[in-house]
């Protein structure tokens, strides 16, 4: 094979016969290793342990402002490689119970599909992300604490995420120290603002409900006395 040289030759090195033979042998070993490698596919179904009629699990309550009845989500787990350093807890089945029969069909379908995914094995964390991306066209709602939920399905996904974090299959996203300091500062400012507003409202409550705002002390304490507007807080009056 002819090779066209594009630059000047500034040095050279002769490959020794033994080095060339060693390189050829190493390449042959690598090729043989690739040909004999076995592909292991993680498709084995997770089966209920023999002789185990009960599984350990957790039940979570979902109460939305859209429904009078609460939903109870139960997730049962199995322990793989128990007693070894590779011991791992995995979800095995899920049940959702509610007195509201309006959701019965999709609840049964959803729980059966999710249980099948759990028993299939492999990575199941995608379920939490997919469910939390479901939006209700009628609008979502706010949970106690101010967190917005776009749908009931999304809250079920949040429950699954919490459970997977609890058993160690998902890592909880932690804020950095700087982000936490900024949040603490903002929270302190918000609480101070609320306390100030509450104090002002309490002070206003000491005056009649019909009182208006005083242009001098900016307090809702101006009332009509003897046909004259008078502030009950600072005494300011248009009549002098």
Protein backbone atom coordinates (compact mmCIF):
# COMPACT_ATOMS: atom_id res chain seq x y z
CA UNK A 1 0.00 0.00 0.00
CA UNK A 2 1.42 3.36 -1.01
CA UNK A 3 1.20 6.25 1.47
CA UNK A 4 1.69 9.84 0.36
CA UNK A 5 3.79 11.83 2.82
CA UNK A 6 2.44 15.33 3.51
CA UNK A 7 5.24 16.48 5.86
CA UNK A 8 8.96 16.08 6.16
CA UNK A 9 10.31 13.05 8.01
CA UNK A 10 11.94 14.27 11.25
CA UNK A 11 12.43 10.89 12.92
CA UNK A 12 11.68 7.20 12.69
CA UNK A 13 11.48 4.08 14.84
CA UNK A 14 11.88 0.46 13.77
CA UNK A 15 9.32 -1.98 15.16
CA UNK A 16 11.04 -5.06 16.49
CA UNK A 17 9.72 -8.45 15.35
CA UNK A 18 8.88 -9.54 18.91
CA UNK A 19 6.91 -6.30 19.56
CA UNK A 20 4.97 -6.75 16.33
CA UNK A 21 4.16 -10.39 17.26
CA UNK A 22 3.01 -9.35 20.77
CA UNK A 23 0.74 -6.64 19.35
CA UNK A 24 -0.74 -9.09 16.84
CA UNK A 25 -1.37 -11.64 19.62
CA UNK A 26 -3.06 -9.08 21.86
CA UNK A 27 -5.34 -8.01 19.01
CA UNK A 28 -6.28 -11.63 18.35
CA UNK A 29 -7.10 -12.22 22.03
CA UNK A 30 -9.34 -9.12 22.05
CA UNK A 31 -11.21 -10.29 18.95
CA UNK A 32 -11.76 -13.75 20.44
CA UNK A 33 -12.96 -12.22 23.68
CA UNK A 34 -15.54 -10.11 21.88
CA UNK A 35 -16.80 -13.10 19.94
CA UNK A 36 -17.21 -15.23 23.09
CA UNK A 37 -18.85 -12.50 25.19
CA UNK A 38 -22.38 -13.22 26.36
CA UNK A 39 -25.11 -10.61 26.46
CA UNK A 40 -27.14 -10.68 29.68
CA UNK A 41 -30.59 -9.16 29.27
CA UNK A 42 -32.42 -7.95 32.37
CA UNK A 43 -35.82 -9.34 31.44
CA UNK A 44 -36.37 -11.82 34.24
CA UNK A 45 -39.68 -11.32 36.01
CA UNK A 46 -39.57 -10.68 39.75
CA UNK A 47 -41.60 -13.43 41.43
CA UNK A 48 -43.16 -13.49 44.88
CA UNK A 49 -40.86 -15.41 47.24
CA UNK A 50 -42.06 -18.94 47.92
CA UNK A 51 -43.76 -19.47 51.25
CA UNK A 52 -44.20 -15.72 51.78
CA UNK A 53 -47.89 -14.94 51.98
CA UNK A 54 -47.42 -11.38 53.21
CA UNK A 55 -45.18 -8.57 52.03
CA UNK A 56 -43.98 -5.49 53.83
CA UNK A 57 -45.28 -2.21 52.47
CA UNK A 58 -46.51 1.32 53.14
CA UNK A 59 -49.85 3.05 52.71
CA UNK A 60 -50.14 6.70 51.73
CA UNK A 61 -53.23 8.92 51.93
CA UNK A 62 -54.20 11.27 49.11
CA UNK A 63 -56.87 13.86 49.92
CA UNK A 64 -57.66 16.37 47.20
CA UNK A 65 -59.99 19.39 47.33
CA UNK A 66 -61.69 17.99 44.21
CA UNK A 67 -63.21 15.01 46.02
CA UNK A 68 -64.93 14.37 49.33
CA UNK A 69 -63.32 10.93 49.67
CA UNK A 70 -59.64 10.22 50.19
CA UNK A 71 -57.57 7.73 48.19
CA UNK A 72 -55.23 5.25 49.89
CA UNK A 73 -52.18 4.06 47.93
CA UNK A 74 -50.52 0.87 49.22
CA UNK A 75 -47.16 -0.26 47.81
CA UNK A 76 -45.80 -3.66 48.85
CA UNK A 77 -42.10 -4.50 48.51
CA UNK A 78 -39.91 -7.58 48.28
CA UNK A 79 -36.28 -7.90 49.38
CA UNK A 80 -33.78 -9.23 46.84
CA UNK A 81 -30.50 -10.89 47.92
CA UNK A 82 -31.54 -10.75 51.57
CA UNK A 83 -28.70 -11.01 54.06
CA UNK A 84 -25.99 -10.13 51.52
CA UNK A 85 -24.12 -6.95 50.65
CA UNK A 86 -26.29 -6.68 47.54
CA UNK A 87 -29.55 -6.64 49.49
CA UNK A 88 -32.10 -4.40 47.79
CA UNK A 89 -35.73 -3.57 48.41
CA UNK A 90 -37.95 -3.24 45.37
CA UNK A 91 -41.66 -2.47 44.84
CA UNK A 92 -43.67 -5.55 43.90
CA UNK A 93 -47.32 -4.49 43.72
CA UNK A 94 -49.54 -1.45 44.21
CA UNK A 95 -53.17 -1.05 45.27
CA UNK A 96 -55.36 2.06 45.35
CA UNK A 97 -58.54 2.12 47.40
CA UNK A 98 -61.25 4.79 47.52
CA UNK A 99 -64.95 5.10 48.31
CA UNK A 100 -65.42 7.14 45.16
CA UNK A 101 -66.49 4.65 42.48
CA UNK A 102 -66.17 7.26 39.73
CA UNK A 103 -62.46 6.40 39.49
CA UNK A 104 -62.87 2.61 39.75
CA UNK A 105 -62.09 1.67 36.13
CA UNK A 106 -58.95 3.69 35.62
CA UNK A 107 -57.70 2.88 39.12
CA UNK A 108 -57.91 -0.87 38.41
CA UNK A 109 -56.23 -0.45 35.02
CA UNK A 110 -53.47 1.79 36.40
CA UNK A 111 -52.64 -0.43 39.38
CA UNK A 112 -52.48 -3.59 37.25
CA UNK A 113 -50.16 -1.94 34.73
CA UNK A 114 -47.88 -0.52 37.43
CA UNK A 115 -47.75 -3.85 39.29
CA UNK A 116 -46.80 -5.57 36.02
CA UNK A 117 -43.97 -3.06 35.51
CA UNK A 118 -42.75 -3.62 39.08
CA UNK A 119 -42.66 -7.39 38.59
CA UNK A 120 -40.91 -7.11 35.23
CA UNK A 121 -37.76 -5.92 36.95
CA UNK A 122 -35.21 -3.40 35.75
CA UNK A 123 -35.48 0.35 36.26
CA UNK A 124 -38.98 1.34 37.42
CA UNK A 125 -38.22 4.93 38.45
CA UNK A 126 -39.53 6.27 35.14
CA UNK A 127 -43.09 5.60 36.35
CA UNK A 128 -42.90 8.43 38.88
CA UNK A 129 -41.73 10.93 36.25
CA UNK A 130 -44.29 9.87 33.65
CA UNK A 131 -47.25 10.03 36.04
CA UNK A 132 -46.24 13.45 37.41
CA UNK A 133 -46.31 14.83 33.85
CA UNK A 134 -50.07 14.13 33.49
CA UNK A 135 -52.22 17.29 33.56
CA UNK A 136 -55.95 17.49 34.19
CA UNK A 137 -57.65 19.63 31.49
CA UNK A 138 -60.04 20.91 34.17
CA UNK A 139 -57.14 22.28 36.17
CA UNK A 140 -55.05 21.11 39.10
CA UNK A 141 -55.04 21.97 42.79
CA UNK A 142 -52.75 23.00 45.64
CA UNK A 143 -51.79 20.58 48.39
CA UNK A 144 -51.44 21.73 52.00
CA UNK A 145 -48.10 23.50 52.11
CA UNK A 146 -48.54 25.21 48.76
CA UNK A 147 -47.29 22.54 46.34
CA UNK A 148 -49.25 22.48 43.07
CA UNK A 149 -50.51 19.19 41.69
CA UNK A 150 -51.60 19.23 38.02
CA UNK A 151 -53.82 16.14 38.48
CA UNK A 152 -54.70 13.24 40.77
CA UNK A 153 -52.51 11.00 38.59
CA UNK A 154 -49.59 13.36 39.18
CA UNK A 155 -50.05 13.08 42.95
CA UNK A 156 -50.02 9.28 42.66
CA UNK A 157 -46.73 9.69 40.79
CA UNK A 158 -45.44 11.90 43.62
CA UNK A 159 -46.38 9.17 46.12
CA UNK A 160 -44.47 6.57 44.08
CA UNK A 161 -41.45 8.89 43.89
CA UNK A 162 -41.53 9.37 47.67
CA UNK A 163 -41.73 5.61 48.21
CA UNK A 164 -38.84 4.88 45.81
CA UNK A 165 -36.73 7.46 47.63
CA UNK A 166 -37.71 5.87 50.93
CA UNK A 167 -36.49 2.39 49.90
CA UNK A 168 -33.35 3.71 48.22
CA UNK A 169 -34.16 3.27 44.51
CA UNK A 170 -34.20 7.03 43.89
CA UNK A 171 -32.05 9.77 45.33
CA UNK A 172 -33.76 12.80 46.79
CA UNK A 173 -32.63 16.05 45.20
CA UNK A 174 -30.90 18.11 47.87
CA UNK A 175 -30.34 21.86 47.69
CA UNK A 176 -26.81 23.19 47.86
CA UNK A 177 -25.73 25.13 50.95
CA UNK A 178 -25.90 28.43 49.06
CA UNK A 179 -29.39 27.72 47.72
CA UNK A 180 -30.57 26.76 51.21
CA UNK A 181 -29.20 30.02 52.66
CA UNK A 182 -31.00 32.06 49.99
CA UNK A 183 -34.26 30.20 50.66
CA UNK A 184 -33.92 30.70 54.42
CA UNK A 185 -33.37 34.43 53.85
CA UNK A 186 -36.39 34.73 51.56
CA UNK A 187 -38.52 32.75 54.02
CA UNK A 188 -37.49 35.05 56.88
CA UNK A 189 -38.37 38.13 54.81
CA UNK A 190 -41.76 36.65 53.91
CA UNK A 191 -42.54 35.77 57.52
CA UNK A 192 -41.55 39.26 58.65
CA UNK A 193 -43.83 40.77 56.00
CA UNK A 194 -46.74 38.59 57.13
CA UNK A 195 -46.18 39.52 60.79
CA UNK A 196 -46.09 43.22 59.89
CA UNK A 197 -49.30 42.92 57.88
CA UNK A 198 -50.97 41.02 60.71
CA UNK A 199 -49.93 43.69 63.21
CA UNK A 200 -51.32 46.42 60.96
CA UNK A 201 -54.59 44.55 60.55
CA UNK A 202 -54.81 44.07 64.31
CA UNK A 203 -54.23 47.77 64.84
CA UNK A 204 -56.87 48.62 62.26
CA UNK A 205 -59.31 46.32 64.03
CA UNK A 206 -59.29 48.68 67.04
CA UNK A 207 -61.06 51.30 64.96
CA UNK A 208 -64.61 51.22 63.53
CA UNK A 209 -65.12 49.20 60.37
CA UNK A 210 -66.39 52.33 58.60
CA UNK A 211 -63.12 54.20 59.24
CA UNK A 212 -61.17 55.44 56.25
CA UNK A 213 -57.47 55.99 55.60
CA UNK A 214 -55.77 58.97 57.23
CA UNK A 215 -53.61 61.03 54.86
CA UNK A 216 -51.25 61.94 57.69
CA UNK A 217 -50.55 58.72 59.62
CA UNK A 218 -51.82 56.30 56.94
CA UNK A 219 -54.05 54.45 59.40
CA UNK A 220 -57.65 53.44 58.73
CA UNK A 221 -58.90 55.48 61.66
CA UNK A 222 -60.69 58.49 60.13
CA UNK A 223 -64.34 58.81 61.18
CA UNK A 224 -66.93 61.58 60.92
CA UNK A 225 -67.36 63.39 64.23
CA UNK A 226 -69.55 66.51 64.49
CA UNK A 227 -69.70 66.64 60.69
CA UNK A 228 -65.90 66.70 60.57
CA UNK A 229 -63.44 64.01 59.45
CA UNK A 230 -61.22 63.19 62.42
CA UNK A 231 -58.45 60.58 62.77
CA UNK A 232 -58.76 58.54 65.94
CA UNK A 233 -55.08 57.55 65.72
CA UNK A 234 -53.20 60.85 65.35
CA UNK A 235 -55.98 63.39 65.90
CA UNK A 236 -55.66 64.97 62.47
CA UNK A 237 -58.81 66.80 61.39
CA UNK A 238 -59.73 68.86 58.36
CA UNK A 239 -61.64 71.17 60.63
CA UNK A 240 -58.53 72.18 62.47
